[in-house]
Amino acid sequence: MDVEKVFDNKVTLSSWLVDVHNTVNERNGKRIVPYHVVRKWYSSSKDEVLVPAIITCISLTVFTFVLSSKVKENVSSVGSSLPSS
């Protein structure tokens, strides 16, 4: 998906977040949940406040995963460039 289109509206953003979350779940051997199921879980009117909170939590989870992956990559590259003793 084009990065700029991800932020077009709530549907594209939440769909992208679910896709990314499922990618993390797949890497960790956890179940994949289709977007329509996630949408159904959080589509009732009483959840109007809950949905943004859930999107924020998923965003933070994805951000943390991406950040930790980058840190691991940097640590690996630094370790491989150190002179051996």
N, C-alpha and C. Protein backbone atom coordinates (compact mmCIF):
# COMPACT_ATOMS: atom_id res chain seq x y z
N MET A 1 0.85 -1.18 0.00
CA MET A 1 0.00 0.00 0.00
C MET A 1 0.90 1.24 0.00
N ASP A 2 0.51 2.22 -0.78
CA ASP A 2 1.24 3.49 -0.84
C ASP A 2 1.16 4.18 0.52
N VAL A 3 2.30 4.57 1.05
CA VAL A 3 2.38 5.14 2.40
C VAL A 3 1.46 6.34 2.55
N GLU A 4 1.40 7.20 1.56
CA GLU A 4 0.55 8.39 1.67
C GLU A 4 -0.93 8.02 1.72
N LYS A 5 -1.32 6.94 1.06
CA LYS A 5 -2.73 6.52 1.06
C LYS A 5 -3.13 5.89 2.39
N VAL A 6 -2.16 5.40 3.15
CA VAL A 6 -2.45 4.80 4.46
C VAL A 6 -3.19 5.80 5.33
N PHE A 7 -2.82 7.07 5.23
CA PHE A 7 -3.39 8.11 6.09
C PHE A 7 -4.58 8.84 5.47
N ASP A 8 -5.11 8.32 4.36
CA ASP A 8 -6.25 8.97 3.70
C ASP A 8 -7.48 9.05 4.59
N ASN A 9 -7.76 7.98 5.31
CA ASN A 9 -8.95 7.96 6.16
C ASN A 9 -8.81 6.88 7.23
N LYS A 10 -9.80 6.79 8.08
CA LYS A 10 -9.75 5.85 9.20
C LYS A 10 -9.72 4.40 8.73
N VAL A 11 -10.42 4.10 7.65
CA VAL A 11 -10.47 2.73 7.15
C VAL A 11 -9.11 2.28 6.62
N THR A 12 -8.47 3.13 5.81
CA THR A 12 -7.17 2.73 5.26
C THR A 12 -6.12 2.62 6.36
N LEU A 13 -6.17 3.53 7.33
CA LEU A 13 -5.21 3.48 8.44
C LEU A 13 -5.44 2.23 9.30
N SER A 14 -6.68 1.98 9.68
CA SER A 14 -6.94 0.83 10.54
C SER A 14 -6.68 -0.48 9.79
N SER A 15 -6.96 -0.53 8.51
CA SER A 15 -6.67 -1.72 7.71
C SER A 15 -5.17 -1.98 7.66
N TRP A 16 -4.39 -0.93 7.45
CA TRP A 16 -2.94 -1.05 7.42
C TRP A 16 -2.40 -1.51 8.77
N LEU A 17 -2.93 -0.94 9.85
CA LEU A 17 -2.48 -1.33 11.19
C LEU A 17 -2.78 -2.80 11.48
N VAL A 18 -3.95 -3.26 11.06
CA VAL A 18 -4.29 -4.67 11.25
C VAL A 18 -3.35 -5.55 10.43
N ASP A 19 -3.04 -5.14 9.20
CA ASP A 19 -2.10 -5.90 8.37
C ASP A 19 -0.73 -5.99 9.02
N VAL A 20 -0.24 -4.87 9.53
CA VAL A 20 1.07 -4.86 10.18
C VAL A 20 1.04 -5.71 11.45
N HIS A 21 -0.02 -5.57 12.22
CA HIS A 21 -0.16 -6.35 13.44
C HIS A 21 -0.18 -7.85 13.12
N ASN A 22 -0.88 -8.22 12.05
CA ASN A 22 -0.92 -9.62 11.63
C ASN A 22 0.44 -10.11 11.16
N THR A 23 1.23 -9.24 10.56
CA THR A 23 2.59 -9.61 10.16
C THR A 23 3.42 -9.96 11.38
N VAL A 24 3.29 -9.14 12.42
CA VAL A 24 4.00 -9.41 13.68
C VAL A 24 3.49 -10.72 14.29
N ASN A 25 2.17 -10.90 14.29
CA ASN A 25 1.60 -12.14 14.83
C ASN A 25 2.12 -13.36 14.08
N GLU A 26 2.20 -13.26 12.76
CA GLU A 26 2.68 -14.37 11.95
C GLU A 26 4.13 -14.72 12.31
N ARG A 27 4.96 -13.70 12.47
CA ARG A 27 6.36 -13.93 12.85
C ARG A 27 6.49 -14.59 14.21
N ASN A 28 5.51 -14.32 15.09
CA ASN A 28 5.55 -14.86 16.44
C ASN A 28 4.70 -16.13 16.60
N GLY A 29 4.22 -16.66 15.49
CA GLY A 29 3.44 -17.89 15.55
C GLY A 29 2.06 -17.73 16.16
N LYS A 30 1.52 -16.52 16.12
CA LYS A 30 0.19 -16.27 16.67
C LYS A 30 -0.83 -16.22 15.54
N ARG A 31 -2.11 -16.23 15.91
CA ARG A 31 -3.15 -16.28 14.89
C ARG A 31 -3.27 -14.96 14.13
N ILE A 32 -3.71 -15.09 12.90
CA ILE A 32 -3.96 -13.94 12.03
C ILE A 32 -5.46 -13.65 12.09
N VAL A 33 -5.81 -12.38 12.30
CA VAL A 33 -7.21 -11.99 12.39
C VAL A 33 -7.53 -11.09 11.19
N PRO A 34 -8.49 -11.49 10.35
CA PRO A 34 -8.84 -10.68 9.19
C PRO A 34 -9.41 -9.32 9.61
N TYR A 35 -9.23 -8.34 8.74
CA TYR A 35 -9.68 -6.98 9.03
C TYR A 35 -11.17 -6.94 9.33
N HIS A 36 -11.98 -7.64 8.54
CA HIS A 36 -13.44 -7.57 8.76
C HIS A 36 -13.83 -8.09 10.14
N VAL A 37 -13.07 -9.02 10.68
CA VAL A 37 -13.35 -9.53 12.03
C VAL A 37 -12.99 -8.47 13.07
N VAL A 38 -11.83 -7.85 12.91
CA VAL A 38 -11.42 -6.79 13.83
C VAL A 38 -12.43 -5.65 13.79
N ARG A 39 -12.83 -5.29 12.59
CA ARG A 39 -13.81 -4.19 12.42
C ARG A 39 -15.12 -4.54 13.13
N LYS A 40 -15.55 -5.79 13.01
CA LYS A 40 -16.79 -6.21 13.66
C LYS A 40 -16.68 -6.13 15.18
N TRP A 41 -15.49 -6.52 15.72
CA TRP A 41 -15.28 -6.47 17.16
C TRP A 41 -15.48 -5.06 17.71
N TYR A 42 -15.05 -4.06 16.94
CA TYR A 42 -15.02 -2.69 17.46
C TYR A 42 -15.96 -1.73 16.74
N SER A 43 -17.01 -2.26 16.12
CA SER A 43 -17.88 -1.39 15.32
C SER A 43 -19.13 -0.90 16.03
N SER A 44 -19.43 -1.34 17.22
CA SER A 44 -20.65 -0.88 17.89
C SER A 44 -20.49 0.57 18.32
N SER A 45 -21.60 1.28 18.41
CA SER A 45 -21.57 2.72 18.73
C SER A 45 -20.98 2.99 20.11
N LYS A 46 -21.13 2.05 21.04
CA LYS A 46 -20.58 2.28 22.39
C LYS A 46 -19.05 2.26 22.38
N ASP A 47 -18.47 1.77 21.30
CA ASP A 47 -17.02 1.67 21.21
C ASP A 47 -16.38 2.85 20.47
N GLU A 48 -17.12 3.93 20.26
CA GLU A 48 -16.57 5.06 19.52
C GLU A 48 -15.31 5.63 20.17
N VAL A 49 -15.23 5.56 21.48
CA VAL A 49 -14.04 6.04 22.18
C VAL A 49 -12.99 4.94 22.23
N LEU A 50 -13.42 3.70 22.29
CA LEU A 50 -12.51 2.57 22.40
C LEU A 50 -11.68 2.35 21.14
N VAL A 51 -12.27 2.53 19.97
CA VAL A 51 -11.57 2.28 18.71
C VAL A 51 -10.31 3.13 18.58
N PRO A 52 -10.37 4.45 18.79
CA PRO A 52 -9.11 5.21 18.71
C PRO A 52 -8.07 4.74 19.72
N ALA A 53 -8.52 4.33 20.89
CA ALA A 53 -7.58 3.83 21.90
C ALA A 53 -6.92 2.54 21.42
N ILE A 54 -7.69 1.67 20.81
CA ILE A 54 -7.14 0.41 20.30
C ILE A 54 -6.18 0.68 19.15
N ILE A 55 -6.55 1.59 18.26
CA ILE A 55 -5.67 1.95 17.15
C ILE A 55 -4.36 2.52 17.70
N THR A 56 -4.44 3.32 18.73
CA THR A 56 -3.23 3.87 19.35
C THR A 56 -2.38 2.75 19.94
N CYS A 57 -2.99 1.81 20.63
CA CYS A 57 -2.23 0.69 21.21
C CYS A 57 -1.56 -0.15 20.13
N ILE A 58 -2.30 -0.43 19.05
CA ILE A 58 -1.71 -1.20 17.95
C ILE A 58 -0.57 -0.42 17.33
N SER A 59 -0.76 0.89 17.15
CA SER A 59 0.30 1.72 16.58
C SER A 59 1.56 1.68 17.44
N LEU A 60 1.38 1.78 18.75
CA LEU A 60 2.53 1.74 19.66
C LEU A 60 3.21 0.37 19.63
N THR A 61 2.42 -0.69 19.51
CA THR A 61 2.98 -2.03 19.41
C THR A 61 3.83 -2.16 18.15
N VAL A 62 3.29 -1.69 17.03
CA VAL A 62 4.01 -1.76 15.76
C VAL A 62 5.27 -0.90 15.83
N PHE A 63 5.14 0.30 16.35
CA PHE A 63 6.30 1.19 16.47
C PHE A 63 7.39 0.55 17.32
N THR A 64 7.01 -0.05 18.43
CA THR A 64 7.98 -0.70 19.32
C THR A 64 8.66 -1.86 18.60
N PHE A 65 7.89 -2.64 17.86
CA PHE A 65 8.46 -3.76 17.11
C PHE A 65 9.45 -3.27 16.06
N VAL A 66 9.05 -2.26 15.30
CA VAL A 66 9.94 -1.73 14.26
C VAL A 66 11.19 -1.14 14.88
N LEU A 67 11.04 -0.39 15.96
CA LEU A 67 12.18 0.21 16.64
C LEU A 67 13.13 -0.87 17.17
N SER A 68 12.59 -1.90 17.80
CA SER A 68 13.45 -2.96 18.34
C SER A 68 14.15 -3.71 17.22
N SER A 69 13.50 -3.87 16.08
CA SER A 69 14.15 -4.51 14.93
C SER A 69 15.31 -3.68 14.43
N LYS A 70 15.11 -2.36 14.37
CA LYS A 70 16.18 -1.46 13.91
C LYS A 70 17.35 -1.48 14.90
N VAL A 71 17.06 -1.50 16.18
CA VAL A 71 18.12 -1.53 17.19
C VAL A 71 18.91 -2.83 17.05
N LYS A 72 18.22 -3.96 16.86
CA LYS A 72 18.91 -5.23 16.69
C LYS A 72 19.79 -5.21 15.45
N GLU A 73 19.29 -4.63 14.36
CA GLU A 73 20.08 -4.52 13.13
C GLU A 73 21.34 -3.69 13.37
N ASN A 74 21.18 -2.56 14.07
CA ASN A 74 22.32 -1.69 14.34
C ASN A 74 23.33 -2.35 15.26
N VAL A 75 22.86 -3.05 16.27
CA VAL A 75 23.76 -3.74 17.19
C VAL A 75 24.52 -4.83 16.43
N SER A 76 23.83 -5.55 15.56
CA SER A 76 24.49 -6.60 14.77
C SER A 76 25.54 -6.02 13.86
N SER A 77 25.22 -4.89 13.22
CA SER A 77 26.19 -4.30 12.28
C SER A 77 27.38 -3.71 13.03
N VAL A 78 27.16 -3.17 14.22
CA VAL A 78 28.27 -2.64 15.01
C VAL A 78 29.15 -3.79 15.50
N GLY A 79 28.51 -4.86 15.97
CA GLY A 79 29.26 -6.01 16.46
C GLY A 79 30.09 -6.66 15.38
N SER A 80 29.61 -6.71 14.16
CA SER A 80 30.36 -7.34 13.08
C SER A 80 31.50 -6.46 12.58
N SER A 81 31.45 -5.17 12.89
CA SER A 81 32.52 -4.28 12.43
C SER A 81 33.61 -4.07 13.46
N LEU A 82 33.42 -4.64 14.66
CA LEU A 82 34.45 -4.52 15.69
C LEU A 82 35.63 -5.43 15.38
N PRO A 83 36.84 -4.98 15.66
CA PRO A 83 38.00 -5.84 15.41
C PRO A 83 37.98 -7.03 16.37
N SER A 84 38.40 -8.18 15.87
CA SER A 84 38.45 -9.34 16.75
C SER A 84 39.73 -9.30 17.58
N SER A 85 39.65 -9.89 18.78
CA SER A 85 40.81 -9.83 19.68
C SER A 85 41.74 -10.99 19.49
